[in-house]
N, C-alpha and C. Protein backbone atom coordinates (compact mmCIF):
# COMPACT_ATOMS: atom_id res chain seq x y z
N MET A 1 129.84 47.03 34.01
CA MET A 1 129.05 45.91 33.49
C MET A 1 129.29 45.76 31.99
N ASN A 2 129.51 44.53 31.58
CA ASN A 2 129.69 44.22 30.17
C ASN A 2 128.47 43.49 29.62
N ILE A 3 128.07 43.86 28.42
CA ILE A 3 126.99 43.15 27.74
C ILE A 3 127.54 42.58 26.44
N ILE A 4 127.34 41.30 26.24
CA ILE A 4 127.62 40.67 24.95
C ILE A 4 126.28 40.49 24.25
N PHE A 5 126.08 41.22 23.17
CA PHE A 5 124.88 41.06 22.36
C PHE A 5 125.16 40.01 21.28
N SER A 6 124.19 39.17 21.01
CA SER A 6 124.33 38.20 19.92
C SER A 6 123.04 38.14 19.12
N ARG A 7 123.21 38.12 17.82
CA ARG A 7 122.06 37.83 16.96
C ARG A 7 121.89 36.32 16.91
N HIS A 8 120.67 35.85 16.92
CA HIS A 8 120.40 34.41 16.86
C HIS A 8 120.97 33.80 15.58
N GLY A 9 121.00 32.48 15.51
CA GLY A 9 121.55 31.78 14.35
C GLY A 9 120.58 31.68 13.19
N ASN A 10 121.03 30.99 12.15
CA ASN A 10 120.27 30.88 10.90
C ASN A 10 118.92 30.18 11.08
N THR A 11 117.94 30.68 10.33
CA THR A 11 116.61 30.07 10.32
C THR A 11 116.21 29.60 8.92
N PHE A 12 117.13 29.76 7.96
CA PHE A 12 116.86 29.31 6.59
C PHE A 12 117.97 28.36 6.14
N GLU A 13 117.56 27.31 5.42
CA GLU A 13 118.54 26.41 4.83
C GLU A 13 119.27 27.13 3.69
N PRO A 14 120.49 26.68 3.36
CA PRO A 14 121.29 27.39 2.35
C PRO A 14 120.59 27.61 1.02
N ASN A 15 119.80 26.66 0.57
CA ASN A 15 119.16 26.78 -0.74
C ASN A 15 117.73 27.29 -0.68
N THR A 16 117.33 27.77 0.50
CA THR A 16 115.98 28.30 0.67
C THR A 16 115.99 29.82 0.55
N PRO A 17 115.10 30.40 -0.26
CA PRO A 17 115.06 31.86 -0.38
C PRO A 17 114.76 32.51 0.98
N ALA A 18 115.54 33.50 1.33
CA ALA A 18 115.33 34.20 2.60
C ALA A 18 114.18 35.19 2.46
N VAL A 19 113.26 35.15 3.41
CA VAL A 19 112.15 36.10 3.43
C VAL A 19 112.20 36.86 4.75
N TRP A 20 111.47 37.97 4.80
CA TRP A 20 111.43 38.77 6.01
C TRP A 20 110.54 38.10 7.04
N VAL A 21 111.09 37.85 8.21
CA VAL A 21 110.32 37.23 9.29
C VAL A 21 110.47 38.08 10.54
N GLY A 22 109.37 38.58 11.04
CA GLY A 22 109.39 39.40 12.24
C GLY A 22 108.84 38.64 13.43
N CYS A 23 108.27 39.37 14.36
CA CYS A 23 107.82 38.77 15.61
C CYS A 23 106.60 37.87 15.44
N GLU A 24 105.93 37.95 14.29
CA GLU A 24 104.76 37.10 14.08
C GLU A 24 105.11 35.79 13.38
N SER A 25 106.39 35.60 13.06
CA SER A 25 106.85 34.37 12.39
C SER A 25 107.83 33.67 13.31
N ASP A 26 107.37 32.59 13.95
CA ASP A 26 108.18 31.92 14.98
C ASP A 26 108.94 30.74 14.39
N LEU A 27 109.96 31.03 13.60
CA LEU A 27 110.74 29.99 12.94
C LEU A 27 111.75 29.36 13.90
N PRO A 28 112.00 28.06 13.77
CA PRO A 28 113.05 27.43 14.57
C PRO A 28 114.41 27.63 13.90
N LEU A 29 115.46 27.37 14.64
CA LEU A 29 116.81 27.36 14.06
C LEU A 29 116.96 26.15 13.15
N VAL A 30 117.66 26.34 12.05
CA VAL A 30 118.04 25.19 11.22
C VAL A 30 119.36 24.66 11.77
N GLU A 31 119.86 23.58 11.18
CA GLU A 31 121.07 22.93 11.69
C GLU A 31 122.24 23.91 11.77
N ALA A 32 122.38 24.76 10.75
CA ALA A 32 123.47 25.74 10.76
C ALA A 32 123.33 26.71 11.92
N GLY A 33 122.10 27.06 12.26
CA GLY A 33 121.86 27.95 13.39
C GLY A 33 122.21 27.31 14.71
N ILE A 34 121.93 26.03 14.83
CA ILE A 34 122.30 25.28 16.03
C ILE A 34 123.82 25.23 16.18
N GLU A 35 124.51 25.01 15.06
CA GLU A 35 125.97 24.98 15.09
C GLU A 35 126.55 26.34 15.45
N GLN A 36 125.88 27.41 15.04
CA GLN A 36 126.35 28.75 15.41
C GLN A 36 126.28 28.95 16.92
N ALA A 37 125.23 28.44 17.55
CA ALA A 37 125.11 28.54 19.00
C ALA A 37 126.23 27.75 19.68
N LYS A 38 126.55 26.58 19.15
CA LYS A 38 127.62 25.76 19.72
C LYS A 38 128.98 26.43 19.53
N THR A 39 129.17 27.08 18.39
CA THR A 39 130.41 27.81 18.14
C THR A 39 130.58 28.95 19.14
N PHE A 40 129.48 29.67 19.38
CA PHE A 40 129.49 30.74 20.38
C PHE A 40 129.91 30.18 21.74
N ALA A 41 129.27 29.10 22.15
CA ALA A 41 129.55 28.52 23.47
C ALA A 41 131.00 28.05 23.58
N LYS A 42 131.52 27.45 22.53
CA LYS A 42 132.90 26.96 22.54
C LYS A 42 133.88 28.13 22.69
N ALA A 43 133.65 29.19 21.92
CA ALA A 43 134.53 30.36 22.00
C ALA A 43 134.48 30.99 23.38
N LEU A 44 133.28 31.09 23.95
CA LEU A 44 133.13 31.69 25.27
C LEU A 44 133.82 30.83 26.32
N SER A 45 133.66 29.52 26.22
CA SER A 45 134.29 28.61 27.17
C SER A 45 135.82 28.71 27.10
N GLN A 46 136.35 28.78 25.90
CA GLN A 46 137.80 28.88 25.72
C GLN A 46 138.36 30.20 26.25
N SER A 47 137.52 31.23 26.25
CA SER A 47 137.97 32.54 26.73
C SER A 47 138.06 32.60 28.25
N GLY A 48 137.31 31.72 28.92
CA GLY A 48 137.28 31.73 30.37
C GLY A 48 136.33 32.75 30.96
N ILE A 49 135.58 33.44 30.10
CA ILE A 49 134.63 34.44 30.58
C ILE A 49 133.40 33.75 31.19
N LYS A 50 132.98 34.21 32.34
CA LYS A 50 131.81 33.67 33.01
C LYS A 50 130.62 34.60 32.77
N ILE A 51 129.53 34.02 32.30
CA ILE A 51 128.29 34.77 32.08
C ILE A 51 127.47 34.76 33.36
N ASP A 52 126.99 35.93 33.76
CA ASP A 52 126.23 36.04 35.00
C ASP A 52 124.72 35.98 34.78
N ALA A 53 124.25 36.30 33.57
CA ALA A 53 122.82 36.23 33.25
C ALA A 53 122.66 36.22 31.75
N VAL A 54 121.55 35.60 31.30
CA VAL A 54 121.25 35.54 29.88
C VAL A 54 119.82 36.02 29.66
N TYR A 55 119.66 36.99 28.76
CA TYR A 55 118.35 37.50 28.38
C TYR A 55 118.12 37.23 26.90
N CYS A 56 116.88 36.96 26.55
CA CYS A 56 116.57 36.71 25.13
C CYS A 56 115.13 37.09 24.84
N GLY A 57 114.83 37.20 23.55
CA GLY A 57 113.45 37.42 23.12
C GLY A 57 112.63 36.16 23.26
N PRO A 58 111.32 36.23 23.05
CA PRO A 58 110.43 35.10 23.29
C PRO A 58 110.34 34.09 22.15
N LEU A 59 110.85 34.41 20.96
CA LEU A 59 110.70 33.52 19.82
C LEU A 59 111.64 32.32 19.91
N LYS A 60 111.26 31.25 19.21
CA LYS A 60 112.05 30.02 19.23
C LYS A 60 113.50 30.26 18.86
N ARG A 61 113.72 31.10 17.85
CA ARG A 61 115.08 31.28 17.34
C ARG A 61 116.00 31.97 18.33
N THR A 62 115.45 32.77 19.24
CA THR A 62 116.29 33.40 20.26
C THR A 62 116.35 32.56 21.54
N LEU A 63 115.22 32.01 21.94
CA LEU A 63 115.18 31.22 23.17
C LEU A 63 116.00 29.94 23.02
N SER A 64 115.81 29.21 21.92
CA SER A 64 116.56 27.98 21.74
C SER A 64 118.05 28.25 21.56
N TYR A 65 118.39 29.39 20.94
CA TYR A 65 119.80 29.77 20.79
C TYR A 65 120.43 29.93 22.18
N ALA A 66 119.71 30.61 23.06
CA ALA A 66 120.20 30.79 24.43
C ALA A 66 120.30 29.44 25.15
N GLN A 67 119.30 28.60 25.00
CA GLN A 67 119.29 27.30 25.69
C GLN A 67 120.44 26.41 25.23
N ILE A 68 120.71 26.41 23.93
CA ILE A 68 121.82 25.60 23.40
C ILE A 68 123.15 26.08 23.96
N ILE A 69 123.34 27.39 23.98
CA ILE A 69 124.59 27.95 24.52
C ILE A 69 124.78 27.53 25.97
N LEU A 70 123.73 27.66 26.78
CA LEU A 70 123.84 27.32 28.20
C LEU A 70 124.06 25.82 28.40
N LYS A 71 123.43 25.01 27.57
CA LYS A 71 123.65 23.57 27.66
C LYS A 71 125.09 23.21 27.32
N GLU A 72 125.63 23.82 26.27
CA GLU A 72 127.01 23.55 25.87
C GLU A 72 127.99 24.01 26.95
N LEU A 73 127.64 25.07 27.65
CA LEU A 73 128.50 25.59 28.72
C LEU A 73 128.30 24.82 30.02
N GLN A 74 127.33 23.92 30.05
CA GLN A 74 126.97 23.18 31.26
C GLN A 74 126.65 24.15 32.41
N SER A 75 125.91 25.19 32.03
CA SER A 75 125.56 26.24 32.98
C SER A 75 124.22 25.94 33.64
N ASN A 76 124.09 26.39 34.87
CA ASN A 76 122.83 26.26 35.60
C ASN A 76 121.90 27.45 35.39
N LEU A 77 122.35 28.41 34.61
CA LEU A 77 121.51 29.58 34.34
C LEU A 77 120.30 29.22 33.48
N THR A 78 119.24 29.96 33.65
CA THR A 78 118.04 29.83 32.82
C THR A 78 117.85 31.12 32.04
N PRO A 79 117.59 31.04 30.73
CA PRO A 79 117.38 32.28 29.97
C PRO A 79 116.20 33.08 30.52
N ILE A 80 116.38 34.36 30.64
CA ILE A 80 115.31 35.25 31.07
C ILE A 80 114.66 35.84 29.83
N VAL A 81 113.42 35.46 29.57
CA VAL A 81 112.71 35.94 28.38
C VAL A 81 112.16 37.33 28.65
N ASP A 82 112.49 38.26 27.76
CA ASP A 82 112.04 39.64 27.92
C ASP A 82 111.41 40.09 26.60
N LEU A 83 110.15 40.48 26.67
CA LEU A 83 109.42 40.87 25.46
C LEU A 83 110.02 42.08 24.77
N ARG A 84 110.78 42.87 25.50
CA ARG A 84 111.42 44.04 24.90
C ARG A 84 112.54 43.66 23.93
N LEU A 85 112.92 42.39 23.93
CA LEU A 85 113.93 41.90 23.00
C LEU A 85 113.32 41.19 21.80
N SER A 86 112.01 41.24 21.69
CA SER A 86 111.34 40.58 20.57
C SER A 86 111.68 41.27 19.26
N GLU A 87 111.63 40.51 18.18
CA GLU A 87 111.94 41.04 16.86
C GLU A 87 110.89 42.08 16.44
N LEU A 88 111.24 42.89 15.47
CA LEU A 88 110.30 43.88 14.95
C LEU A 88 109.14 43.20 14.24
N ASN A 89 108.06 43.93 14.09
CA ASN A 89 106.90 43.41 13.36
C ASN A 89 106.92 44.05 11.97
N TYR A 90 107.23 43.25 10.95
CA TYR A 90 107.42 43.79 9.60
C TYR A 90 106.12 43.90 8.80
N GLY A 91 105.01 43.62 9.43
CA GLY A 91 103.72 43.86 8.79
C GLY A 91 103.62 43.26 7.41
N GLY A 92 103.36 44.12 6.40
CA GLY A 92 103.17 43.66 5.03
C GLY A 92 104.40 43.06 4.38
N TRP A 93 105.57 43.28 4.96
CA TRP A 93 106.80 42.70 4.41
C TRP A 93 106.99 41.24 4.81
N ALA A 94 106.32 40.83 5.86
CA ALA A 94 106.53 39.48 6.39
C ALA A 94 106.24 38.41 5.35
N GLY A 95 107.16 37.48 5.23
CA GLY A 95 107.00 36.37 4.30
C GLY A 95 107.43 36.69 2.87
N LEU A 96 107.89 37.91 2.62
CA LEU A 96 108.29 38.31 1.28
C LEU A 96 109.81 38.36 1.14
N THR A 97 110.30 38.08 -0.06
CA THR A 97 111.72 38.27 -0.36
C THR A 97 111.96 39.75 -0.66
N ASN A 98 113.22 40.14 -0.75
CA ASN A 98 113.52 41.53 -1.11
C ASN A 98 112.94 41.89 -2.48
N GLN A 99 113.02 40.96 -3.40
CA GLN A 99 112.49 41.21 -4.74
C GLN A 99 110.99 41.45 -4.68
N GLN A 100 110.29 40.64 -3.93
CA GLN A 100 108.84 40.78 -3.82
C GLN A 100 108.46 42.09 -3.13
N ILE A 101 109.24 42.49 -2.13
CA ILE A 101 108.98 43.77 -1.46
C ILE A 101 109.16 44.92 -2.44
N GLY A 102 110.24 44.85 -3.23
CA GLY A 102 110.49 45.89 -4.21
C GLY A 102 109.37 45.99 -5.23
N GLU A 103 108.85 44.84 -5.66
CA GLU A 103 107.78 44.83 -6.65
C GLU A 103 106.47 45.35 -6.07
N LYS A 104 106.20 45.03 -4.80
CA LYS A 104 104.91 45.38 -4.19
C LYS A 104 104.91 46.78 -3.60
N TYR A 105 106.01 47.17 -2.98
CA TYR A 105 106.04 48.44 -2.25
C TYR A 105 107.00 49.47 -2.84
N GLY A 106 107.81 49.04 -3.77
CA GLY A 106 108.77 49.96 -4.38
C GLY A 106 110.16 49.76 -3.83
N ILE A 107 111.14 49.74 -4.70
CA ILE A 107 112.52 49.51 -4.28
C ILE A 107 113.04 50.62 -3.39
N GLU A 108 112.52 51.85 -3.57
CA GLU A 108 112.99 52.97 -2.75
C GLU A 108 112.69 52.77 -1.28
N MET A 109 111.50 52.25 -0.98
CA MET A 109 111.13 51.99 0.41
C MET A 109 112.07 50.96 1.03
N LEU A 110 112.37 49.90 0.28
CA LEU A 110 113.27 48.86 0.77
C LEU A 110 114.67 49.43 1.01
N GLU A 111 115.18 50.18 0.04
CA GLU A 111 116.52 50.74 0.16
C GLU A 111 116.61 51.77 1.28
N ASN A 112 115.51 52.49 1.53
CA ASN A 112 115.52 53.47 2.61
C ASN A 112 115.72 52.80 3.96
N TRP A 113 115.16 51.60 4.13
CA TRP A 113 115.38 50.87 5.38
C TRP A 113 116.76 50.23 5.37
N GLU A 114 117.10 49.54 4.31
CA GLU A 114 118.36 48.80 4.25
C GLU A 114 119.58 49.71 4.39
N LYS A 115 119.52 50.87 3.77
CA LYS A 115 120.68 51.76 3.75
C LYS A 115 120.60 52.90 4.76
N HIS A 116 119.38 53.34 5.11
CA HIS A 116 119.25 54.53 5.94
C HIS A 116 118.43 54.31 7.21
N CYS A 117 117.94 53.08 7.44
CA CYS A 117 117.12 52.75 8.61
C CYS A 117 115.89 53.64 8.73
N LYS A 118 115.31 54.01 7.58
CA LYS A 118 114.07 54.78 7.58
C LYS A 118 112.89 53.81 7.56
N TRP A 119 112.03 53.95 8.54
CA TRP A 119 110.92 53.01 8.70
C TRP A 119 109.89 53.17 7.58
N PRO A 120 109.41 52.05 7.03
CA PRO A 120 108.32 52.10 6.03
C PRO A 120 107.00 52.47 6.71
N LEU A 121 106.56 53.67 6.51
CA LEU A 121 105.35 54.13 7.16
C LEU A 121 104.12 53.41 6.62
N ASN A 122 103.19 53.10 7.52
CA ASN A 122 101.91 52.46 7.17
C ASN A 122 102.07 51.07 6.56
N VAL A 123 103.24 50.46 6.74
CA VAL A 123 103.47 49.10 6.24
C VAL A 123 103.85 48.17 7.39
N TRP A 124 104.79 48.61 8.22
CA TRP A 124 105.16 47.82 9.39
C TRP A 124 104.17 48.05 10.52
N LYS A 125 104.08 47.08 11.41
CA LYS A 125 103.21 47.21 12.57
C LYS A 125 103.98 47.68 13.80
N SER A 126 105.30 47.64 13.73
CA SER A 126 106.12 48.14 14.83
C SER A 126 106.16 49.65 14.81
N SER A 127 106.55 50.23 15.93
CA SER A 127 106.69 51.69 16.06
C SER A 127 108.12 52.00 16.47
N GLU A 128 108.80 52.82 15.69
CA GLU A 128 110.19 53.14 16.03
C GLU A 128 110.33 53.81 17.39
N PRO A 129 109.49 54.80 17.74
CA PRO A 129 109.62 55.39 19.07
C PRO A 129 109.46 54.37 20.19
N ILE A 130 108.53 53.43 20.03
CA ILE A 130 108.33 52.41 21.06
C ILE A 130 109.54 51.49 21.14
N VAL A 131 110.11 51.11 20.00
CA VAL A 131 111.31 50.27 20.00
C VAL A 131 112.45 50.97 20.74
N ARG A 132 112.63 52.24 20.47
CA ARG A 132 113.68 53.00 21.16
C ARG A 132 113.42 53.07 22.66
N GLU A 133 112.16 53.24 23.05
CA GLU A 133 111.80 53.26 24.47
C GLU A 133 112.08 51.91 25.13
N GLU A 134 111.79 50.83 24.42
CA GLU A 134 112.03 49.49 24.95
C GLU A 134 113.52 49.26 25.20
N VAL A 135 114.34 49.71 24.27
CA VAL A 135 115.79 49.55 24.40
C VAL A 135 116.31 50.30 25.62
N VAL A 136 115.88 51.55 25.78
CA VAL A 136 116.33 52.35 26.92
C VAL A 136 115.85 51.73 28.24
N SER A 137 114.59 51.30 28.26
CA SER A 137 114.02 50.70 29.46
C SER A 137 114.77 49.42 29.84
N PHE A 138 115.05 48.58 28.84
CA PHE A 138 115.76 47.33 29.10
C PHE A 138 117.17 47.61 29.62
N ALA A 139 117.88 48.51 28.96
CA ALA A 139 119.25 48.84 29.38
C ALA A 139 119.27 49.40 30.80
N ASN A 140 118.33 50.26 31.13
CA ASN A 140 118.26 50.82 32.48
C ASN A 140 118.01 49.73 33.52
N ASP A 141 117.16 48.77 33.16
CA ASP A 141 116.88 47.67 34.10
C ASP A 141 118.13 46.83 34.34
N LEU A 142 118.94 46.61 33.31
CA LEU A 142 120.19 45.85 33.50
C LEU A 142 121.11 46.56 34.48
N VAL A 143 121.22 47.87 34.33
CA VAL A 143 122.08 48.65 35.22
C VAL A 143 121.59 48.53 36.66
N THR A 144 120.28 48.53 36.85
CA THR A 144 119.70 48.44 38.19
C THR A 144 119.86 47.05 38.79
N ARG A 145 119.70 46.02 37.97
CA ARG A 145 119.67 44.65 38.47
C ARG A 145 121.04 44.04 38.72
N HIS A 146 122.04 44.47 37.95
CA HIS A 146 123.31 43.75 37.96
C HIS A 146 124.46 44.57 38.50
N LYS A 147 125.49 43.83 38.95
CA LYS A 147 126.68 44.46 39.51
C LYS A 147 127.56 45.00 38.40
N LYS A 148 128.43 45.91 38.77
CA LYS A 148 129.24 46.60 37.77
C LYS A 148 130.25 45.67 37.08
N ASP A 149 130.58 44.53 37.70
CA ASP A 149 131.53 43.62 37.08
C ASP A 149 130.85 42.41 36.44
N ASP A 150 129.51 42.42 36.34
CA ASP A 150 128.78 41.32 35.71
C ASP A 150 128.98 41.33 34.19
N VAL A 151 128.91 40.13 33.61
CA VAL A 151 128.90 39.97 32.15
C VAL A 151 127.54 39.38 31.76
N ILE A 152 126.81 40.09 30.94
CA ILE A 152 125.44 39.72 30.58
C ILE A 152 125.40 39.36 29.10
N LEU A 153 124.73 38.27 28.78
CA LEU A 153 124.50 37.88 27.38
C LEU A 153 123.07 38.23 27.01
N VAL A 154 122.92 38.96 25.90
CA VAL A 154 121.61 39.38 25.41
C VAL A 154 121.45 38.90 23.97
N ILE A 155 120.41 38.11 23.71
CA ILE A 155 120.19 37.51 22.39
C ILE A 155 118.89 38.05 21.81
N SER A 156 119.00 38.62 20.62
CA SER A 156 117.82 39.17 19.96
C SER A 156 118.02 39.10 18.45
N SER A 157 117.35 40.00 17.74
CA SER A 157 117.36 39.99 16.28
C SER A 157 118.13 41.18 15.72
N ASN A 158 118.41 41.13 14.45
CA ASN A 158 119.14 42.20 13.78
C ASN A 158 118.37 43.52 13.86
N GLY A 159 117.06 43.46 13.62
CA GLY A 159 116.26 44.68 13.63
C GLY A 159 116.24 45.37 14.98
N LYS A 160 116.14 44.61 16.06
CA LYS A 160 116.05 45.19 17.40
C LYS A 160 117.43 45.56 17.94
N LEU A 161 118.43 44.71 17.74
CA LEU A 161 119.73 44.97 18.35
C LEU A 161 120.37 46.27 17.88
N ARG A 162 120.16 46.63 16.62
CA ARG A 162 120.79 47.86 16.11
C ARG A 162 120.40 49.09 16.91
N TYR A 163 119.23 49.06 17.53
CA TYR A 163 118.77 50.24 18.26
C TYR A 163 119.46 50.41 19.61
N PHE A 164 120.22 49.40 20.05
CA PHE A 164 121.03 49.60 21.24
C PHE A 164 122.17 50.58 20.98
N LEU A 165 122.52 50.78 19.72
CA LEU A 165 123.51 51.78 19.38
C LEU A 165 123.05 53.18 19.77
N SER A 166 121.74 53.38 19.84
CA SER A 166 121.21 54.71 20.18
C SER A 166 121.43 55.06 21.65
N LEU A 167 121.90 54.10 22.45
CA LEU A 167 122.24 54.40 23.84
C LEU A 167 123.47 55.30 23.93
N ILE A 168 124.23 55.34 22.85
CA ILE A 168 125.47 56.12 22.80
C ILE A 168 125.24 57.30 21.86
N PRO A 169 125.30 58.51 22.33
CA PRO A 169 124.99 59.67 21.49
C PRO A 169 125.78 59.67 20.18
N GLY A 170 125.03 59.73 19.07
CA GLY A 170 125.63 59.83 17.75
C GLY A 170 126.07 58.52 17.14
N GLU A 171 126.10 57.43 17.91
CA GLU A 171 126.63 56.16 17.40
C GLU A 171 125.72 55.55 16.35
N PHE A 172 124.42 55.56 16.61
CA PHE A 172 123.48 54.99 15.65
C PHE A 172 123.54 55.75 14.33
N GLU A 173 123.51 57.06 14.41
CA GLU A 173 123.51 57.89 13.20
C GLU A 173 124.80 57.71 12.40
N GLU A 174 125.93 57.61 13.09
CA GLU A 174 127.21 57.45 12.40
C GLU A 174 127.27 56.10 11.68
N ARG A 175 126.75 55.06 12.30
CA ARG A 175 126.79 53.74 11.67
C ARG A 175 125.77 53.62 10.54
N VAL A 176 124.71 54.39 10.62
CA VAL A 176 123.79 54.45 9.48
C VAL A 176 124.52 55.06 8.29
N LYS A 177 125.27 56.13 8.52
CA LYS A 177 126.01 56.78 7.45
C LYS A 177 127.01 55.83 6.79
N THR A 178 127.66 55.01 7.59
CA THR A 178 128.68 54.10 7.08
C THR A 178 128.11 52.72 6.72
N GLU A 179 126.77 52.60 6.84
CA GLU A 179 126.07 51.35 6.52
C GLU A 179 126.66 50.17 7.29
N SER A 180 126.85 50.38 8.59
CA SER A 180 127.44 49.33 9.43
C SER A 180 126.59 49.01 10.65
N VAL A 181 125.27 49.16 10.51
CA VAL A 181 124.39 48.87 11.65
C VAL A 181 124.01 47.40 11.74
N LYS A 182 124.10 46.68 10.64
CA LYS A 182 123.60 45.30 10.60
C LYS A 182 124.50 44.35 11.39
N ILE A 183 123.87 43.28 11.88
CA ILE A 183 124.59 42.21 12.56
C ILE A 183 124.27 40.90 11.85
N LYS A 184 125.28 40.18 11.43
CA LYS A 184 125.07 38.90 10.78
C LYS A 184 124.61 37.86 11.79
N THR A 185 123.89 36.84 11.31
CA THR A 185 123.44 35.79 12.21
C THR A 185 124.63 35.17 12.94
N GLY A 186 124.48 34.99 14.25
CA GLY A 186 125.52 34.37 15.05
C GLY A 186 126.64 35.31 15.47
N ASN A 187 126.67 36.52 14.95
CA ASN A 187 127.73 37.46 15.31
C ASN A 187 127.42 38.17 16.62
N VAL A 188 128.46 38.80 17.17
CA VAL A 188 128.34 39.38 18.50
C VAL A 188 128.81 40.83 18.53
N CYS A 189 128.36 41.54 19.57
CA CYS A 189 128.75 42.92 19.83
C CYS A 189 129.02 43.02 21.33
N ARG A 190 129.77 44.03 21.73
CA ARG A 190 130.03 44.18 23.15
C ARG A 190 129.91 45.63 23.58
N PHE A 191 129.09 45.86 24.61
CA PHE A 191 128.93 47.17 25.23
C PHE A 191 129.42 47.06 26.68
N ALA A 192 129.76 48.21 27.24
CA ALA A 192 130.04 48.27 28.68
C ALA A 192 129.42 49.53 29.24
N PHE A 193 129.04 49.45 30.49
CA PHE A 193 128.51 50.61 31.20
C PHE A 193 129.60 51.09 32.14
N VAL A 194 130.25 52.21 31.77
CA VAL A 194 131.41 52.72 32.48
C VAL A 194 131.19 54.19 32.82
N ASP A 195 131.38 54.55 34.08
CA ASP A 195 131.20 55.94 34.52
C ASP A 195 129.83 56.49 34.11
N ASP A 196 128.82 55.66 34.31
CA ASP A 196 127.43 56.04 34.02
C ASP A 196 127.17 56.30 32.55
N LYS A 197 128.00 55.73 31.68
CA LYS A 197 127.80 55.89 30.25
C LYS A 197 127.98 54.53 29.56
N TRP A 198 127.24 54.36 28.45
CA TRP A 198 127.40 53.17 27.63
C TRP A 198 128.50 53.42 26.60
N LYS A 199 129.32 52.39 26.38
CA LYS A 199 130.38 52.47 25.38
C LYS A 199 130.34 51.18 24.56
N VAL A 200 130.70 51.29 23.28
CA VAL A 200 130.76 50.11 22.42
C VAL A 200 132.22 49.81 22.11
N ASN A 201 132.59 48.55 22.26
CA ASN A 201 133.96 48.14 21.97
C ASN A 201 134.06 47.50 20.60
N TYR A 202 133.08 46.64 20.26
CA TYR A 202 133.06 46.06 18.91
C TYR A 202 131.63 45.77 18.52
N TRP A 203 131.45 45.65 17.22
CA TRP A 203 130.10 45.48 16.66
C TRP A 203 130.18 44.51 15.47
N ASN A 204 129.29 43.54 15.46
CA ASN A 204 129.16 42.60 14.34
C ASN A 204 130.45 41.82 14.09
N ARG A 205 130.92 41.13 15.13
CA ARG A 205 132.12 40.30 14.99
C ARG A 205 131.77 38.82 15.16
N PRO A 206 132.43 37.94 14.43
CA PRO A 206 132.25 36.51 14.68
C PRO A 206 132.74 36.16 16.08
N PRO A 207 132.06 35.30 16.81
CA PRO A 207 132.51 34.94 18.16
C PRO A 207 133.85 34.21 18.12
N SER A 208 134.74 34.56 19.01
CA SER A 208 136.05 33.92 19.11
C SER A 208 136.57 34.14 20.52
N PRO A 209 137.46 33.29 21.00
CA PRO A 209 138.03 33.51 22.34
C PRO A 209 138.67 34.89 22.48
N GLU A 210 139.35 35.34 21.42
CA GLU A 210 140.03 36.63 21.46
C GLU A 210 139.04 37.78 21.65
N ILE A 211 137.89 37.69 20.95
CA ILE A 211 136.86 38.70 21.10
C ILE A 211 136.33 38.74 22.53
N PHE A 212 136.08 37.57 23.10
CA PHE A 212 135.51 37.53 24.44
C PHE A 212 136.52 37.92 25.51
N TYR A 213 137.81 37.69 25.28
CA TYR A 213 138.82 38.11 26.25
C TYR A 213 138.68 39.58 26.57
N SER A 214 138.29 40.37 25.60
CA SER A 214 138.26 41.83 25.77
C SER A 214 137.26 42.26 26.83
N CYS A 215 136.39 41.36 27.28
CA CYS A 215 135.47 41.70 28.36
C CYS A 215 136.24 41.98 29.65
N ASN A 216 137.47 41.56 29.73
CA ASN A 216 138.28 41.80 30.92
C ASN A 216 139.21 42.99 30.78
N GLU A 217 139.12 43.69 29.65
CA GLU A 217 140.03 44.79 29.39
C GLU A 217 139.35 46.14 29.59
N ASP A 218 140.13 47.13 29.90
CA ASP A 218 139.61 48.49 30.01
C ASP A 218 139.37 49.07 28.65
N PHE A 219 138.57 50.12 28.58
CA PHE A 219 138.28 50.77 27.31
C PHE A 219 139.35 51.83 27.01
N ASN A 220 140.51 51.38 26.64
CA ASN A 220 141.56 52.31 26.27
C ASN A 220 141.38 52.83 24.87
N GLU A 221 140.74 52.00 24.04
CA GLU A 221 140.53 52.40 22.64
C GLU A 221 139.29 51.73 22.12
N LEU A 222 138.37 52.49 21.56
CA LEU A 222 137.16 51.95 20.97
C LEU A 222 137.44 51.52 19.56
N SER A 223 136.84 50.42 19.14
CA SER A 223 137.05 49.91 17.79
C SER A 223 135.73 49.71 17.12
N GLU A 224 135.77 49.47 15.81
CA GLU A 224 134.54 49.25 15.04
C GLU A 224 133.83 48.01 15.54
């Protein structure tokens, strides 16, 4: 089974200061975000890859991203909304810029998350152990529900998607060390479940037909 993970598209206009928005901030996609969904769909269509199911979080930015992709593909599939794919709850950080977070909570706390994925204790409302449990539970359900040759699209947020790396022993920790856990808006990752194990083929790549072609290839070599 192959999973294509995608981070939703942009929710801020180019000249608008970016603030932290978690599961309590239900922002819509801006025009650039809509175009990112169309770019994804075009690349997938050109690759010839058929999607067997689409899962997404409950927020507008993930659900509408999924709906736009399916509409562009002229697919009869309906996005399956799963609360386990919801964005993190950033608590006191919500609505603040990085500068404001640094001023209010200290730059060290911000850098500890940005560079080392260390959770800000007593500030966020999310729980890291629960997030990890949700990821494992969701992944296990996919294995149970779908056939080994299915291709599944999963759309969520940067904060939640990075924890799927923890399905692979040592992968999350290694990418924290190399500061490569983040996923840019509209970018994609690909996992496969092979021989009862999860493997990652690529992480944080712009969607392209060439990237999606690899869903038909064996894992002869893992790449970044």
